Amino acid sequence: MSKSTSEGLEALSRLLSQELGISRRRARLFLRIFLEELEEGLRKEGVVHLGRLGRFRVRRGKRGVRVIFRPGKELREALQQVR
């Protein structure tokens, strides 16, 4: 895991801890399990649907393997407001 990824996960675990009133250890555990399940789903099925959040899909091409994220409708609309 890259330094920026681990820093991002640490920041996210702090936020989850504060917002949900759980320990940072439990928040880190949740994130670790979530990422493991995401990786396993992509390896086995090639796609992981996360409901309204969107989906991750494996794409194989000339450049190798890439993971594509397509946001769900609500997230896509929220991102339109950012532009």
N, C-alpha and C. Protein backbone atom coordinates (compact mmCIF):
# COMPACT_ATOMS: atom_id res chain seq x y z
N MET A 1 0.86 -1.17 0.00
CA MET A 1 0.00 0.00 0.00
C MET A 1 0.90 1.23 0.00
N SER A 2 0.60 2.19 -0.84
CA SER A 2 1.42 3.40 -0.92
C SER A 2 1.22 4.27 0.31
N LYS A 3 2.18 5.17 0.52
CA LYS A 3 2.10 6.07 1.67
C LYS A 3 0.84 6.94 1.60
N SER A 4 0.53 7.46 0.39
CA SER A 4 -0.65 8.32 0.26
C SER A 4 -1.94 7.54 0.51
N THR A 5 -1.97 6.26 0.09
CA THR A 5 -3.16 5.44 0.34
C THR A 5 -3.33 5.19 1.82
N SER A 6 -2.25 4.84 2.50
CA SER A 6 -2.37 4.57 3.94
C SER A 6 -2.73 5.84 4.70
N GLU A 7 -2.21 6.99 4.26
CA GLU A 7 -2.57 8.26 4.90
C GLU A 7 -4.05 8.56 4.67
N GLY A 8 -4.54 8.29 3.47
CA GLY A 8 -5.95 8.52 3.16
C GLY A 8 -6.85 7.62 3.97
N LEU A 9 -6.44 6.35 4.13
CA LEU A 9 -7.23 5.42 4.93
C LEU A 9 -7.20 5.81 6.40
N GLU A 10 -6.08 6.31 6.86
CA GLU A 10 -5.98 6.74 8.26
C GLU A 10 -6.90 7.94 8.50
N ALA A 11 -6.92 8.87 7.56
CA ALA A 11 -7.82 10.03 7.68
C ALA A 11 -9.28 9.59 7.65
N LEU A 12 -9.59 8.65 6.78
CA LEU A 12 -10.95 8.14 6.70
C LEU A 12 -11.34 7.40 7.97
N SER A 13 -10.40 6.65 8.55
CA SER A 13 -10.71 5.94 9.80
C SER A 13 -10.96 6.92 10.94
N ARG A 14 -10.22 8.04 10.96
CA ARG A 14 -10.48 9.07 11.98
C ARG A 14 -11.88 9.64 11.81
N LEU A 15 -12.26 9.93 10.58
CA LEU A 15 -13.59 10.48 10.31
C LEU A 15 -14.69 9.50 10.71
N LEU A 16 -14.53 8.23 10.32
CA LEU A 16 -15.52 7.22 10.71
C LEU A 16 -15.62 7.11 12.22
N SER A 17 -14.49 7.13 12.88
CA SER A 17 -14.46 7.03 14.33
C SER A 17 -15.24 8.18 14.97
N GLN A 18 -14.99 9.39 14.50
CA GLN A 18 -15.66 10.56 15.05
C GLN A 18 -17.16 10.57 14.74
N GLU A 19 -17.50 10.29 13.49
CA GLU A 19 -18.90 10.38 13.06
C GLU A 19 -19.76 9.26 13.63
N LEU A 20 -19.18 8.07 13.78
CA LEU A 20 -19.96 6.92 14.23
C LEU A 20 -19.79 6.61 15.71
N GLY A 21 -18.85 7.30 16.34
CA GLY A 21 -18.62 7.06 17.76
C GLY A 21 -18.02 5.70 18.04
N ILE A 22 -17.18 5.22 17.11
CA ILE A 22 -16.50 3.94 17.31
C ILE A 22 -15.00 4.20 17.45
N SER A 23 -14.28 3.21 17.92
CA SER A 23 -12.83 3.39 18.08
C SER A 23 -12.17 3.46 16.71
N ARG A 24 -11.01 4.09 16.66
CA ARG A 24 -10.28 4.15 15.39
C ARG A 24 -9.83 2.75 14.98
N ARG A 25 -9.58 1.91 15.97
CA ARG A 25 -9.19 0.53 15.66
C ARG A 25 -10.32 -0.19 14.91
N ARG A 26 -11.55 -0.02 15.38
CA ARG A 26 -12.71 -0.64 14.71
C ARG A 26 -12.92 -0.04 13.33
N ALA A 27 -12.72 1.26 13.21
CA ALA A 27 -12.87 1.92 11.91
C ALA A 27 -11.82 1.40 10.93
N ARG A 28 -10.57 1.25 11.38
CA ARG A 28 -9.52 0.71 10.51
C ARG A 28 -9.83 -0.73 10.12
N LEU A 29 -10.36 -1.51 11.06
CA LEU A 29 -10.73 -2.89 10.77
C LEU A 29 -11.83 -2.93 9.71
N PHE A 30 -12.83 -2.09 9.85
CA PHE A 30 -13.90 -2.01 8.85
C PHE A 30 -13.33 -1.69 7.47
N LEU A 31 -12.46 -0.69 7.39
CA LEU A 31 -11.89 -0.31 6.10
C LEU A 31 -11.03 -1.42 5.51
N ARG A 32 -10.26 -2.11 6.36
CA ARG A 32 -9.41 -3.20 5.87
C ARG A 32 -10.28 -4.32 5.30
N ILE A 33 -11.34 -4.69 6.01
CA ILE A 33 -12.23 -5.75 5.53
C ILE A 33 -12.93 -5.31 4.25
N PHE A 34 -13.38 -4.06 4.20
CA PHE A 34 -14.04 -3.53 3.01
C PHE A 34 -13.12 -3.64 1.79
N LEU A 35 -11.86 -3.22 1.95
CA LEU A 35 -10.92 -3.27 0.83
C LEU A 35 -10.59 -4.70 0.42
N GLU A 36 -10.46 -5.59 1.40
CA GLU A 36 -10.21 -7.00 1.08
C GLU A 36 -11.37 -7.59 0.29
N GLU A 37 -12.59 -7.30 0.69
CA GLU A 37 -13.77 -7.80 -0.02
C GLU A 37 -13.87 -7.21 -1.42
N LEU A 38 -13.54 -5.93 -1.54
CA LEU A 38 -13.55 -5.28 -2.85
C LEU A 38 -12.54 -5.94 -3.77
N GLU A 39 -11.32 -6.16 -3.29
CA GLU A 39 -10.29 -6.81 -4.09
C GLU A 39 -10.70 -8.22 -4.50
N GLU A 40 -11.24 -8.97 -3.55
CA GLU A 40 -11.67 -10.34 -3.84
C GLU A 40 -12.78 -10.37 -4.88
N GLY A 41 -13.75 -9.48 -4.73
CA GLY A 41 -14.85 -9.40 -5.70
C GLY A 41 -14.36 -9.06 -7.09
N LEU A 42 -13.41 -8.15 -7.18
CA LEU A 42 -12.88 -7.77 -8.49
C LEU A 42 -12.08 -8.93 -9.10
N ARG A 43 -11.33 -9.64 -8.27
CA ARG A 43 -10.57 -10.79 -8.77
C ARG A 43 -11.49 -11.90 -9.27
N LYS A 44 -12.53 -12.20 -8.50
CA LYS A 44 -13.41 -13.33 -8.84
C LYS A 44 -14.44 -12.99 -9.90
N GLU A 45 -15.09 -11.84 -9.77
CA GLU A 45 -16.23 -11.51 -10.63
C GLU A 45 -15.91 -10.46 -11.69
N GLY A 46 -14.89 -9.65 -11.44
CA GLY A 46 -14.56 -8.59 -12.38
C GLY A 46 -15.37 -7.32 -12.19
N VAL A 47 -16.37 -7.37 -11.30
CA VAL A 47 -17.19 -6.19 -11.04
C VAL A 47 -17.71 -6.27 -9.61
N VAL A 48 -17.78 -5.10 -8.96
CA VAL A 48 -18.34 -5.01 -7.61
C VAL A 48 -19.33 -3.84 -7.61
N HIS A 49 -20.59 -4.15 -7.32
CA HIS A 49 -21.64 -3.14 -7.25
C HIS A 49 -21.78 -2.69 -5.80
N LEU A 50 -21.77 -1.39 -5.59
CA LEU A 50 -21.91 -0.82 -4.25
C LEU A 50 -23.19 0.00 -4.14
N GLY A 51 -24.24 -0.51 -4.70
CA GLY A 51 -25.54 0.15 -4.61
C GLY A 51 -25.50 1.54 -5.21
N ARG A 52 -26.06 2.49 -4.49
CA ARG A 52 -26.15 3.87 -4.99
C ARG A 52 -24.80 4.55 -5.12
N LEU A 53 -23.78 4.02 -4.44
CA LEU A 53 -22.45 4.61 -4.54
C LEU A 53 -21.87 4.45 -5.94
N GLY A 54 -22.07 3.29 -6.54
CA GLY A 54 -21.56 3.05 -7.88
C GLY A 54 -21.00 1.65 -8.01
N ARG A 55 -20.10 1.47 -8.99
CA ARG A 55 -19.52 0.15 -9.19
C ARG A 55 -18.06 0.26 -9.62
N PHE A 56 -17.32 -0.75 -9.24
CA PHE A 56 -15.95 -0.92 -9.69
C PHE A 56 -15.93 -2.06 -10.69
N ARG A 57 -15.15 -1.90 -11.76
CA ARG A 57 -15.09 -2.93 -12.80
C ARG A 57 -13.64 -3.09 -13.26
N VAL A 58 -13.25 -4.33 -13.50
CA VAL A 58 -11.91 -4.61 -14.03
C VAL A 58 -11.98 -4.52 -15.54
N ARG A 59 -11.01 -3.83 -16.11
CA ARG A 59 -10.94 -3.71 -17.57
C ARG A 59 -9.57 -4.18 -18.01
N ARG A 60 -9.56 -5.14 -18.91
CA ARG A 60 -8.31 -5.66 -19.44
C ARG A 60 -8.15 -5.15 -20.86
N GLY A 61 -6.97 -4.62 -21.14
CA GLY A 61 -6.73 -4.08 -22.47
C GLY A 61 -5.27 -4.18 -22.83
N LYS A 62 -4.90 -3.47 -23.87
CA LYS A 62 -3.52 -3.50 -24.36
C LYS A 62 -2.54 -2.95 -23.33
N ARG A 63 -3.00 -2.04 -22.49
CA ARG A 63 -2.13 -1.43 -21.48
C ARG A 63 -2.08 -2.25 -20.19
N GLY A 64 -2.80 -3.35 -20.14
CA GLY A 64 -2.83 -4.17 -18.94
C GLY A 64 -4.18 -4.09 -18.26
N VAL A 65 -4.18 -4.35 -16.98
CA VAL A 65 -5.42 -4.39 -16.20
C VAL A 65 -5.62 -3.06 -15.50
N ARG A 66 -6.84 -2.53 -15.59
CA ARG A 66 -7.20 -1.29 -14.89
C ARG A 66 -8.50 -1.52 -14.15
N VAL A 67 -8.70 -0.75 -13.10
CA VAL A 67 -9.96 -0.77 -12.37
C VAL A 67 -10.67 0.55 -12.65
N ILE A 68 -11.89 0.44 -13.12
CA ILE A 68 -12.69 1.60 -13.48
C ILE A 68 -13.80 1.76 -12.44
N PHE A 69 -14.00 2.98 -11.95
CA PHE A 69 -15.11 3.27 -11.04
C PHE A 69 -16.12 4.11 -11.77
N ARG A 70 -17.37 3.68 -11.71
CA ARG A 70 -18.47 4.47 -12.28
C ARG A 70 -19.39 4.83 -11.12
N PRO A 71 -19.47 6.13 -10.82
CA PRO A 71 -20.32 6.55 -9.70
C PRO A 71 -21.80 6.32 -10.00
N GLY A 72 -22.57 6.09 -8.94
CA GLY A 72 -24.02 5.98 -9.07
C GLY A 72 -24.63 7.34 -9.37
N LYS A 73 -25.90 7.35 -9.67
CA LYS A 73 -26.59 8.57 -10.10
C LYS A 73 -26.43 9.72 -9.11
N GLU A 74 -26.68 9.46 -7.82
CA GLU A 74 -26.62 10.54 -6.82
C GLU A 74 -25.21 11.11 -6.70
N LEU A 75 -24.21 10.24 -6.67
CA LEU A 75 -22.83 10.69 -6.57
C LEU A 75 -22.41 11.44 -7.83
N ARG A 76 -22.82 10.93 -8.99
CA ARG A 76 -22.51 11.59 -10.26
C ARG A 76 -23.11 12.99 -10.29
N GLU A 77 -24.36 13.13 -9.82
CA GLU A 77 -25.00 14.46 -9.79
C GLU A 77 -24.30 15.37 -8.82
N ALA A 78 -23.87 14.87 -7.68
CA ALA A 78 -23.13 15.69 -6.70
C ALA A 78 -21.81 16.14 -7.29
N LEU A 79 -21.16 15.27 -8.05
CA LEU A 79 -19.87 15.63 -8.66
C LEU A 79 -20.05 16.69 -9.74
N GLN A 80 -21.19 16.70 -10.39
CA GLN A 80 -21.48 17.73 -11.40
C GLN A 80 -21.49 19.11 -10.76
N GLN A 81 -21.90 19.20 -9.51
CA GLN A 81 -21.96 20.48 -8.80
C GLN A 81 -20.56 21.00 -8.48
N VAL A 82 -19.58 20.11 -8.40
CA VAL A 82 -18.21 20.48 -8.08
C VAL A 82 -17.54 21.16 -9.26
N ARG A 83 -17.88 20.75 -10.44
CA ARG A 83 -17.21 21.28 -11.64
C ARG A 83 -17.49 22.70 -11.87
